[in-house]
Amino acid sequence: MIKLEKCPHCGSDVILCKLNGITYVAYEFSIVCPGCGLETKISVNPNANCCFNMGKAVDEIVEKWNRREYTHEHDEGRSD
């Protein structure tokens, strides 16, 4: 099961999408937040690698989405 973190911007649940390219040469994977529109995309070309693994592409975008460089926990004790 794929575990996606909530949107870091608004906290909404997000959606993982796979879109075929216009020429069907590349696949585009996207994780999008329906709440605020924040989106992360990757494109992969299965023709560039004879051993293309779609699962690996999905793992890559999920890892990219779930990575958090900054959290609000760092704001504790901070006054703006």
C-alpha atoms as a PDB file:
ATOM      1  CA  MET A   1       0.000   0.000   0.000  1.00  0.00           C
ATOM      2  CA  ILE A   2       1.285   3.449  -0.910  1.00  0.00           C
ATOM      3  CA  LYS A   3       1.537   5.852   2.025  1.00  0.00           C
ATOM      4  CA  LEU A   4       1.309   9.518   1.027  1.00  0.00           C
ATOM      5  CA  GLU A   5       1.853  12.274   3.548  1.00  0.00           C
ATOM      6  CA  LYS A   6      -0.786  14.988   3.701  1.00  0.00           C
ATOM      7  CA  CYS A   7      -0.178  18.233   1.831  1.00  0.00           C
ATOM      8  CA  PRO A   8       2.554  20.212   3.620  1.00  0.00           C
ATOM      9  CA  HIS A   9       0.853  23.451   2.609  1.00  0.00           C
ATOM     10  CA  CYS A  10      -2.788  22.947   3.653  1.00  0.00           C
ATOM     11  CA  GLY A  11      -2.930  19.512   5.328  1.00  0.00           C
ATOM     12  CA  SER A  12      -5.374  17.937   2.838  1.00  0.00           C
ATOM     13  CA  ASP A  13      -5.199  14.349   1.582  1.00  0.00           C
ATOM     14  CA  VAL A  14      -3.501  14.089  -1.819  1.00  0.00           C
ATOM     15  CA  ILE A  15      -3.988  12.036  -4.994  1.00  0.00           C
ATOM     16  CA  LEU A  16      -1.428  10.037  -7.004  1.00  0.00           C
ATOM     17  CA  CYS A  17      -2.074  10.176 -10.770  1.00  0.00           C
ATOM     18  CA  LYS A  18      -0.465   8.517 -13.796  1.00  0.00           C
ATOM     19  CA  LEU A  19      -0.933  10.216 -17.136  1.00  0.00           C
ATOM     20  CA  ASN A  20       0.179   8.950 -20.526  1.00  0.00           C
ATOM     21  CA  GLY A  21       2.114  11.409 -22.620  1.00  0.00           C
ATOM     22  CA  ILE A  22       0.663  12.694 -25.848  1.00  0.00           C
ATOM     23  CA  THR A  23       2.955  10.488 -27.904  1.00  0.00           C
ATOM     24  CA  TYR A  24       2.882   7.607 -25.409  1.00  0.00           C
ATOM     25  CA  VAL A  25       6.652   7.864 -25.255  1.00  0.00           C
ATOM     26  CA  ALA A  26       6.737   9.067 -21.665  1.00  0.00           C
ATOM     27  CA  TYR A  27       4.613   8.590 -18.586  1.00  0.00           C
ATOM     28  CA  GLU A  28       3.957  11.426 -16.203  1.00  0.00           C
ATOM     29  CA  PHE A  29       3.321  10.728 -12.546  1.00  0.00           C
ATOM     30  CA  SER A  30       1.828  13.457 -10.428  1.00  0.00           C
ATOM     31  CA  ILE A  31       0.849  13.873  -6.801  1.00  0.00           C
ATOM     32  CA  VAL A  32      -1.630  16.689  -6.446  1.00  0.00           C
ATOM     33  CA  CYS A  33      -3.498  18.280  -3.567  1.00  0.00           C
ATOM     34  CA  PRO A  34      -7.145  18.958  -4.429  1.00  0.00           C
ATOM     35  CA  GLY A  35      -7.305  21.401  -1.516  1.00  0.00           C
ATOM     36  CA  CYS A  36      -4.727  23.952  -2.648  1.00  0.00           C
ATOM     37  CA  GLY A  37      -3.386  22.682  -5.977  1.00  0.00           C
ATOM     38  CA  LEU A  38       0.173  21.960  -4.807  1.00  0.00           C
ATOM     39  CA  GLU A  39       1.679  19.409  -7.189  1.00  0.00           C
ATOM     40  CA  THR A  40       4.813  17.326  -7.649  1.00  0.00           C
ATOM     41  CA  LYS A  41       5.519  15.704 -11.046  1.00  0.00           C
ATOM     42  CA  ILE A  42       8.018  13.379 -12.626  1.00  0.00           C
ATOM     43  CA  SER A  43       8.209  12.159 -16.203  1.00  0.00           C
ATOM     44  CA  VAL A  44       9.760   8.851 -17.190  1.00  0.00           C
ATOM     45  CA  ASN A  45      10.519   7.441 -20.596  1.00  0.00           C
ATOM     46  CA  PRO A  46      10.082   3.654 -20.655  1.00  0.00           C
ATOM     47  CA  ASN A  47      11.770   3.521 -24.077  1.00  0.00           C
ATOM     48  CA  ALA A  48      14.997   4.871 -22.578  1.00  0.00           C
ATOM     49  CA  ASN A  49      15.429   1.727 -20.510  1.00  0.00           C
ATOM     50  CA  CYS A  50      14.645  -1.763 -21.732  1.00  0.00           C
ATOM     51  CA  CYS A  51      14.043  -2.844 -18.133  1.00  0.00           C
ATOM     52  CA  PHE A  52      11.629  -0.046 -17.175  1.00  0.00           C
ATOM     53  CA  ASN A  53      10.021  -0.608 -13.797  1.00  0.00           C
ATOM     54  CA  MET A  54       6.828   1.389 -13.230  1.00  0.00           C
ATOM     55  CA  GLY A  55       6.846   0.467  -9.547  1.00  0.00           C
ATOM     56  CA  LYS A  56      10.247   2.115  -9.169  1.00  0.00           C
ATOM     57  CA  ALA A  57       8.901   5.299 -10.793  1.00  0.00           C
ATOM     58  CA  VAL A  58       5.975   5.353  -8.364  1.00  0.00           C
ATOM     59  CA  ASP A  59       8.328   4.773  -5.434  1.00  0.00           C
ATOM     60  CA  GLU A  60      10.464   7.701  -6.648  1.00  0.00           C
ATOM     61  CA  ILE A  61       7.618  10.226  -6.752  1.00  0.00           C
ATOM     62  CA  VAL A  62       6.186   9.014  -3.430  1.00  0.00           C
ATOM     63  CA  GLU A  63       9.609   9.428  -1.816  1.00  0.00           C
ATOM     64  CA  LYS A  64       9.934  12.880  -3.373  1.00  0.00           C
ATOM     65  CA  TRP A  65       6.476  13.922  -2.102  1.00  0.00           C
ATOM     66  CA  ASN A  66       6.910  12.503   1.389  1.00  0.00           C
ATOM     67  CA  ARG A  67      10.310  14.149   1.912  1.00  0.00           C
ATOM     68  CA  ARG A  68       9.989  17.094   4.268  1.00  0.00           C
ATOM     69  CA  GLU A  69      12.904  19.486   4.409  1.00  0.00           C
ATOM     70  CA  TYR A  70      11.158  21.732   6.924  1.00  0.00           C
ATOM     71  CA  THR A  71       8.457  21.149   9.504  1.00  0.00           C
ATOM     72  CA  HIS A  72       6.516  23.519  11.724  1.00  0.00           C
ATOM     73  CA  GLU A  73       8.129  21.867  14.745  1.00  0.00           C
ATOM     74  CA  HIS A  74      11.123  24.100  13.980  1.00  0.00           C
ATOM     75  CA  ASP A  75       8.920  27.143  14.643  1.00  0.00           C
ATOM     76  CA  GLU A  76       8.644  26.402  18.358  1.00  0.00           C
ATOM     77  CA  GLY A  77       9.973  29.297  20.365  1.00  0.00           C
ATOM     78  CA  ARG A  78      10.216  31.462  17.269  1.00  0.00           C
ATOM     79  CA  SER A  79       8.574  34.868  17.265  1.00  0.00           C
ATOM     80  CA  ASP A  80       7.940  36.627  13.953  1.00  0.00           C
END
